[in-house]
C-alpha cells in the first residue's frame, strides 16, 4: 500500500476498526457509535453506562415517555437521547456526559466499555 491508499473493510469490526500500515503513523481508528453494530449515537453508548439500580433513571424515562407526542419537539429517533439528557439534568454538573463519567454517575464498566477501552489502547498504545 502507498501512503495515500487505504484498504477499508466492507463492514466495521464489531470490536472497532483500526487502519494502519506496518511502519506508518498515525493510525486511523473507526468506532461507530454506539457499538459498531447498532444504529445510534454517543448517547446510546452512554445509556448503557447508567446503573441498573439508579433511582433517577426510571423517573427520567417516565418524564420523556409521558410527554404527549403532539408536544414533543424532538423526533422519535431522538427519544433515548432526550431520556439521557433528562437524567443528566439531575447530576452534579447537569447535561455533561464526561462529567457524569468522571463523577462515577455513569459506570465505565461492562462489556461494551471494556471493548471500547481495549480498542482505544490498541489504537493509541
N, C-alpha and C. Protein backbone atom coordinates (compact mmCIF):
# COMPACT_ATOMS: atom_id res chain seq x y z
N UNK A 1 0.82 -1.19 0.00
CA UNK A 1 0.00 0.00 0.00
C UNK A 1 0.86 1.25 0.00
N UNK A 2 0.45 2.22 -0.74
CA UNK A 2 1.13 3.51 -0.67
C UNK A 2 0.52 4.30 0.49
N UNK A 3 1.16 5.36 0.84
CA UNK A 3 0.65 6.16 1.96
C UNK A 3 -0.67 6.83 1.64
N UNK A 4 -1.04 6.94 0.39
CA UNK A 4 -2.30 7.58 0.03
C UNK A 4 -3.41 6.57 -0.21
N UNK A 5 -3.08 5.27 -0.19
CA UNK A 5 -4.07 4.24 -0.47
C UNK A 5 -4.41 3.50 0.82
N UNK A 6 -5.67 3.42 1.15
CA UNK A 6 -6.11 2.75 2.36
C UNK A 6 -7.12 1.69 1.99
N UNK A 7 -6.96 0.52 2.55
CA UNK A 7 -7.90 -0.57 2.33
C UNK A 7 -8.97 -0.51 3.43
N UNK A 8 -10.16 -0.11 3.08
CA UNK A 8 -11.25 -0.05 4.04
C UNK A 8 -12.00 -1.37 4.05
N UNK A 9 -12.34 -1.86 5.21
CA UNK A 9 -13.12 -3.10 5.26
C UNK A 9 -14.53 -2.87 4.75
N UNK A 10 -15.16 -3.93 4.26
CA UNK A 10 -16.54 -3.81 3.79
C UNK A 10 -17.50 -3.55 4.94
N UNK A 11 -17.19 -4.12 6.10
CA UNK A 11 -18.01 -3.91 7.31
C UNK A 11 -17.08 -3.58 8.47
N UNK A 12 -17.54 -2.76 9.40
CA UNK A 12 -16.69 -2.45 10.55
C UNK A 12 -16.52 -3.68 11.44
N UNK A 13 -15.39 -3.75 12.09
CA UNK A 13 -15.17 -4.82 13.06
C UNK A 13 -16.10 -4.59 14.25
N UNK A 14 -16.69 -5.64 14.80
CA UNK A 14 -17.56 -5.45 15.97
C UNK A 14 -16.81 -4.95 17.20
N UNK A 15 -15.48 -5.02 17.17
CA UNK A 15 -14.70 -4.52 18.30
C UNK A 15 -13.94 -3.25 17.94
N UNK A 16 -14.36 -2.55 16.89
CA UNK A 16 -13.72 -1.33 16.46
C UNK A 16 -12.72 -1.62 15.36
N UNK A 17 -12.58 -0.69 14.44
CA UNK A 17 -11.69 -0.86 13.29
C UNK A 17 -10.47 0.03 13.47
N UNK A 18 -9.30 -0.53 13.18
CA UNK A 18 -8.06 0.25 13.20
C UNK A 18 -7.35 0.00 11.88
N UNK A 19 -7.01 1.09 11.21
CA UNK A 19 -6.31 1.01 9.94
C UNK A 19 -4.93 1.61 10.09
N UNK A 20 -3.92 0.90 9.63
CA UNK A 20 -2.58 1.44 9.61
C UNK A 20 -1.69 0.57 8.76
N UNK A 21 -0.66 1.20 8.24
CA UNK A 21 0.39 0.45 7.57
C UNK A 21 1.40 0.06 8.63
N UNK A 22 2.17 -0.97 8.35
CA UNK A 22 3.11 -1.52 9.33
C UNK A 22 3.98 -0.44 9.97
N UNK A 23 4.60 0.40 9.16
CA UNK A 23 5.52 1.40 9.70
C UNK A 23 5.03 2.83 9.49
N UNK A 24 3.72 2.99 9.42
CA UNK A 24 3.18 4.31 9.12
C UNK A 24 2.27 4.76 10.25
N UNK A 25 2.45 5.98 10.66
CA UNK A 25 1.59 6.57 11.69
C UNK A 25 1.10 7.89 11.14
N UNK A 26 0.01 8.45 11.52
CA UNK A 26 -0.83 7.98 12.61
C UNK A 26 -1.75 6.84 12.18
N UNK A 27 -2.15 6.10 13.15
CA UNK A 27 -3.16 5.08 12.91
C UNK A 27 -4.51 5.78 12.77
N UNK A 28 -5.42 5.12 12.12
CA UNK A 28 -6.76 5.65 11.98
C UNK A 28 -7.71 4.66 12.62
N UNK A 29 -8.50 5.13 13.56
CA UNK A 29 -9.45 4.27 14.24
C UNK A 29 -10.88 4.68 13.92
N UNK A 30 -11.72 3.68 13.77
CA UNK A 30 -13.13 3.93 13.49
C UNK A 30 -13.95 3.14 14.50
N UNK A 31 -14.72 3.86 15.29
CA UNK A 31 -15.67 3.25 16.23
C UNK A 31 -17.03 3.86 15.88
N UNK A 32 -17.94 3.04 15.41
CA UNK A 32 -19.27 3.52 15.06
C UNK A 32 -20.18 3.41 16.28
N UNK A 33 -20.61 4.54 16.78
CA UNK A 33 -21.46 4.56 17.96
C UNK A 33 -22.80 3.94 17.65
N UNK A 34 -23.37 3.21 18.59
CA UNK A 34 -22.82 3.04 19.93
C UNK A 34 -21.89 1.83 20.08
N UNK A 35 -22.03 0.80 19.24
CA UNK A 35 -21.30 -0.45 19.48
C UNK A 35 -20.79 -1.14 18.22
N UNK A 36 -20.67 -0.41 17.13
CA UNK A 36 -20.23 -0.94 15.84
C UNK A 36 -21.23 -1.89 15.18
N UNK A 37 -22.37 -2.09 15.81
CA UNK A 37 -23.38 -3.00 15.27
C UNK A 37 -24.75 -2.33 15.16
N UNK A 38 -25.07 -1.50 16.12
CA UNK A 38 -26.41 -0.91 16.23
C UNK A 38 -26.40 0.53 15.74
N UNK A 39 -27.56 0.96 15.27
CA UNK A 39 -27.69 2.37 14.92
C UNK A 39 -27.82 3.17 16.21
N UNK A 40 -27.29 4.35 16.21
CA UNK A 40 -27.39 5.18 17.39
C UNK A 40 -26.33 6.25 17.40
N UNK A 41 -26.15 6.82 18.58
CA UNK A 41 -25.25 7.95 18.77
C UNK A 41 -24.47 7.74 20.06
N UNK A 42 -23.63 8.70 20.37
CA UNK A 42 -22.86 8.67 21.61
C UNK A 42 -23.78 8.45 22.81
N UNK A 43 -24.94 9.10 22.78
CA UNK A 43 -25.87 8.99 23.91
C UNK A 43 -26.37 7.56 24.10
N UNK A 44 -26.51 6.81 23.02
CA UNK A 44 -26.91 5.41 23.15
C UNK A 44 -25.82 4.58 23.83
N UNK A 45 -24.57 4.94 23.59
CA UNK A 45 -23.46 4.32 24.30
C UNK A 45 -23.55 4.66 25.78
N UNK A 46 -23.74 5.94 26.09
CA UNK A 46 -23.80 6.40 27.48
C UNK A 46 -24.98 5.78 28.23
N UNK A 47 -26.10 5.57 27.54
CA UNK A 47 -27.26 4.96 28.19
C UNK A 47 -26.92 3.61 28.80
N UNK A 48 -26.02 2.89 28.16
CA UNK A 48 -25.63 1.57 28.66
C UNK A 48 -24.74 1.66 29.89
N UNK A 49 -24.34 2.87 30.23
CA UNK A 49 -23.48 3.09 31.39
C UNK A 49 -24.27 3.53 32.62
N UNK A 50 -25.57 3.76 32.46
CA UNK A 50 -26.40 4.12 33.61
C UNK A 50 -26.61 2.87 34.45
N UNK A 51 -26.36 2.98 35.73
CA UNK A 51 -26.50 1.83 36.63
C UNK A 51 -27.94 1.32 36.64
N UNK A 52 -28.10 0.02 36.64
CA UNK A 52 -29.45 -0.57 36.63
C UNK A 52 -30.20 -0.26 37.93
N UNK A 53 -29.50 0.11 38.99
CA UNK A 53 -30.20 0.45 40.24
C UNK A 53 -30.27 1.96 40.49
N UNK A 54 -30.01 2.75 39.47
CA UNK A 54 -30.10 4.20 39.59
C UNK A 54 -31.56 4.61 39.80
N UNK A 55 -31.83 5.37 40.83
CA UNK A 55 -33.22 5.73 41.17
C UNK A 55 -33.78 6.85 40.30
N UNK A 56 -32.92 7.65 39.69
CA UNK A 56 -33.38 8.76 38.85
C UNK A 56 -33.70 8.29 37.43
N UNK A 57 -33.05 7.24 36.97
CA UNK A 57 -33.24 6.77 35.60
C UNK A 57 -34.71 6.46 35.28
N UNK A 58 -35.44 5.70 36.10
CA UNK A 58 -36.85 5.45 35.77
C UNK A 58 -37.69 6.73 35.72
N UNK A 59 -37.36 7.69 36.56
CA UNK A 59 -38.08 8.96 36.55
C UNK A 59 -37.80 9.74 35.26
N UNK A 60 -36.55 9.71 34.82
CA UNK A 60 -36.18 10.41 33.58
C UNK A 60 -36.87 9.78 32.38
N UNK A 61 -36.88 8.46 32.33
CA UNK A 61 -37.56 7.76 31.23
C UNK A 61 -39.04 8.09 31.24
N UNK A 62 -39.65 8.02 32.41
CA UNK A 62 -41.08 8.28 32.55
C UNK A 62 -41.42 9.71 32.13
N UNK A 63 -40.59 10.66 32.54
CA UNK A 63 -40.81 12.06 32.18
C UNK A 63 -40.91 12.22 30.66
N UNK A 64 -39.95 11.68 29.94
CA UNK A 64 -39.93 11.81 28.48
C UNK A 64 -41.08 11.03 27.86
N UNK A 65 -41.30 9.80 28.32
CA UNK A 65 -42.36 8.97 27.75
C UNK A 65 -43.75 9.55 27.96
N UNK A 66 -43.92 10.37 29.01
CA UNK A 66 -45.24 10.93 29.30
C UNK A 66 -45.49 12.29 28.64
N UNK A 67 -44.53 12.78 27.90
CA UNK A 67 -44.78 14.00 27.12
C UNK A 67 -45.63 13.58 25.92
N UNK A 68 -46.81 14.16 25.75
CA UNK A 68 -47.64 13.80 24.59
C UNK A 68 -46.86 14.00 23.29
N UNK A 69 -47.00 13.04 22.39
CA UNK A 69 -46.26 13.12 21.13
C UNK A 69 -46.50 14.44 20.40
N UNK A 70 -47.71 14.96 20.51
CA UNK A 70 -48.02 16.22 19.83
C UNK A 70 -47.23 17.41 20.42
N UNK A 71 -46.74 17.26 21.66
CA UNK A 71 -45.98 18.33 22.31
C UNK A 71 -44.47 18.14 22.23
N UNK A 72 -44.03 17.00 21.73
CA UNK A 72 -42.59 16.73 21.64
C UNK A 72 -41.97 17.53 20.50
N UNK A 73 -40.87 18.16 20.80
CA UNK A 73 -40.14 18.93 19.78
C UNK A 73 -39.07 18.07 19.10
N UNK A 74 -38.77 16.90 19.65
CA UNK A 74 -37.74 16.03 19.10
C UNK A 74 -38.37 14.88 18.31
N UNK A 75 -37.59 14.35 17.37
CA UNK A 75 -38.05 13.23 16.56
C UNK A 75 -38.06 11.96 17.41
N UNK A 76 -38.89 11.00 17.03
CA UNK A 76 -38.99 9.74 17.76
C UNK A 76 -37.63 9.05 17.87
N UNK A 77 -36.78 9.20 16.85
CA UNK A 77 -35.46 8.57 16.88
C UNK A 77 -34.53 9.19 17.92
N UNK A 78 -34.92 10.33 18.47
CA UNK A 78 -34.10 11.02 19.48
C UNK A 78 -34.64 10.83 20.90
N UNK A 79 -35.61 9.95 21.08
CA UNK A 79 -36.22 9.75 22.40
C UNK A 79 -35.20 9.27 23.43
N UNK A 80 -34.32 8.33 23.06
CA UNK A 80 -33.32 7.85 24.01
C UNK A 80 -32.36 8.98 24.41
N UNK A 81 -32.02 9.82 23.46
CA UNK A 81 -31.15 10.96 23.75
C UNK A 81 -31.85 11.90 24.74
N UNK A 82 -33.14 12.15 24.54
CA UNK A 82 -33.90 13.01 25.44
C UNK A 82 -33.95 12.41 26.85
N UNK A 83 -34.13 11.10 26.93
CA UNK A 83 -34.16 10.43 28.24
C UNK A 83 -32.83 10.57 28.96
N UNK A 84 -31.73 10.39 28.23
CA UNK A 84 -30.42 10.53 28.85
C UNK A 84 -30.22 11.96 29.35
N UNK A 85 -30.59 12.95 28.54
CA UNK A 85 -30.37 14.33 28.98
C UNK A 85 -31.32 14.72 30.12
N UNK A 86 -32.48 14.12 30.19
CA UNK A 86 -33.35 14.33 31.36
C UNK A 86 -32.66 13.78 32.60
N UNK A 87 -32.02 12.62 32.46
CA UNK A 87 -31.28 12.01 33.57
C UNK A 87 -30.07 12.87 33.93
N UNK A 88 -29.34 13.34 32.91
CA UNK A 88 -28.16 14.17 33.15
C UNK A 88 -28.53 15.49 33.85
N UNK A 89 -29.75 15.96 33.66
CA UNK A 89 -30.18 17.21 34.29
C UNK A 89 -30.17 17.11 35.81
N UNK A 90 -30.21 15.91 36.34
CA UNK A 90 -30.23 15.72 37.80
C UNK A 90 -28.83 15.45 38.36
N UNK A 91 -27.81 15.57 37.55
CA UNK A 91 -26.43 15.31 38.00
C UNK A 91 -25.83 16.57 38.61
N UNK A 92 -24.69 16.39 39.26
CA UNK A 92 -23.98 17.50 39.89
C UNK A 92 -23.62 18.58 38.86
N UNK A 93 -23.18 18.13 37.67
CA UNK A 93 -22.90 19.05 36.57
C UNK A 93 -23.88 18.70 35.45
N UNK A 94 -25.08 19.28 35.47
CA UNK A 94 -26.14 18.90 34.55
C UNK A 94 -25.73 18.98 33.08
N UNK A 95 -26.15 17.94 32.34
CA UNK A 95 -26.00 17.94 30.90
C UNK A 95 -24.65 17.52 30.36
N UNK A 96 -23.73 17.11 31.20
CA UNK A 96 -22.37 16.79 30.74
C UNK A 96 -22.08 15.30 30.90
N UNK A 97 -22.00 14.59 29.78
CA UNK A 97 -21.72 13.15 29.81
C UNK A 97 -20.35 12.89 30.43
N UNK A 98 -19.35 13.63 30.00
CA UNK A 98 -17.99 13.43 30.53
C UNK A 98 -17.92 13.64 32.03
N UNK A 99 -18.60 14.65 32.53
CA UNK A 99 -18.61 14.89 33.98
C UNK A 99 -19.31 13.76 34.71
N UNK A 100 -20.36 13.19 34.11
CA UNK A 100 -21.06 12.07 34.73
C UNK A 100 -20.18 10.83 34.78
N UNK A 101 -19.32 10.64 33.79
CA UNK A 101 -18.37 9.53 33.83
C UNK A 101 -17.33 9.79 34.92
N UNK A 102 -16.78 11.00 34.92
CA UNK A 102 -15.75 11.35 35.90
C UNK A 102 -16.21 11.27 37.34
N UNK A 103 -17.48 11.58 37.59
CA UNK A 103 -18.00 11.53 38.96
C UNK A 103 -18.49 10.15 39.36
N UNK A 104 -18.51 9.22 38.40
CA UNK A 104 -18.97 7.87 38.70
C UNK A 104 -20.47 7.68 38.52
N UNK A 105 -21.18 8.73 38.10
CA UNK A 105 -22.62 8.59 37.85
C UNK A 105 -22.88 7.65 36.68
N UNK A 106 -22.02 7.71 35.67
CA UNK A 106 -22.06 6.74 34.58
C UNK A 106 -20.94 5.73 34.84
N UNK A 107 -21.29 4.47 34.80
CA UNK A 107 -20.33 3.41 35.13
C UNK A 107 -19.56 3.00 33.88
N UNK A 108 -18.27 3.25 33.91
CA UNK A 108 -17.41 2.88 32.78
C UNK A 108 -16.94 1.45 32.94
N UNK A 109 -17.92 0.54 32.99
CA UNK A 109 -17.59 -0.89 33.07
C UNK A 109 -18.64 -1.65 32.28
N UNK A 110 -18.47 -2.92 32.19
CA UNK A 110 -19.35 -3.73 31.37
C UNK A 110 -18.67 -4.06 30.05
N UNK A 111 -19.22 -4.99 29.32
CA UNK A 111 -18.55 -5.49 28.12
C UNK A 111 -18.37 -4.41 27.05
N UNK A 112 -19.35 -3.54 26.86
CA UNK A 112 -19.21 -2.51 25.83
C UNK A 112 -18.08 -1.55 26.18
N UNK A 113 -18.02 -1.10 27.42
CA UNK A 113 -16.95 -0.19 27.84
C UNK A 113 -15.59 -0.88 27.76
N UNK A 114 -15.54 -2.17 28.12
CA UNK A 114 -14.28 -2.91 28.03
C UNK A 114 -13.82 -3.02 26.58
N UNK A 115 -14.75 -3.30 25.65
CA UNK A 115 -14.39 -3.37 24.23
C UNK A 115 -13.89 -2.02 23.73
N UNK A 116 -14.58 -0.95 24.13
CA UNK A 116 -14.18 0.39 23.70
C UNK A 116 -12.80 0.74 24.25
N UNK A 117 -12.55 0.44 25.53
CA UNK A 117 -11.27 0.72 26.16
C UNK A 117 -10.16 -0.08 25.47
N UNK A 118 -10.40 -1.36 25.21
CA UNK A 118 -9.42 -2.20 24.51
C UNK A 118 -9.07 -1.62 23.15
N UNK A 119 -10.11 -1.16 22.43
CA UNK A 119 -9.90 -0.54 21.12
C UNK A 119 -9.06 0.72 21.24
N UNK A 120 -9.36 1.57 22.24
CA UNK A 120 -8.57 2.79 22.45
C UNK A 120 -7.11 2.48 22.75
N UNK A 121 -6.86 1.48 23.60
CA UNK A 121 -5.48 1.11 23.95
C UNK A 121 -4.75 0.60 22.71
N UNK A 122 -5.42 -0.22 21.90
CA UNK A 122 -4.78 -0.72 20.68
C UNK A 122 -4.52 0.42 19.70
N UNK A 123 -5.44 1.35 19.62
CA UNK A 123 -5.29 2.47 18.69
C UNK A 123 -4.16 3.41 19.11
N UNK A 124 -4.13 3.77 20.38
CA UNK A 124 -3.18 4.78 20.84
C UNK A 124 -2.00 4.21 21.62
N UNK A 125 -2.03 2.91 21.93
CA UNK A 125 -0.97 2.29 22.73
C UNK A 125 0.32 2.06 22.04
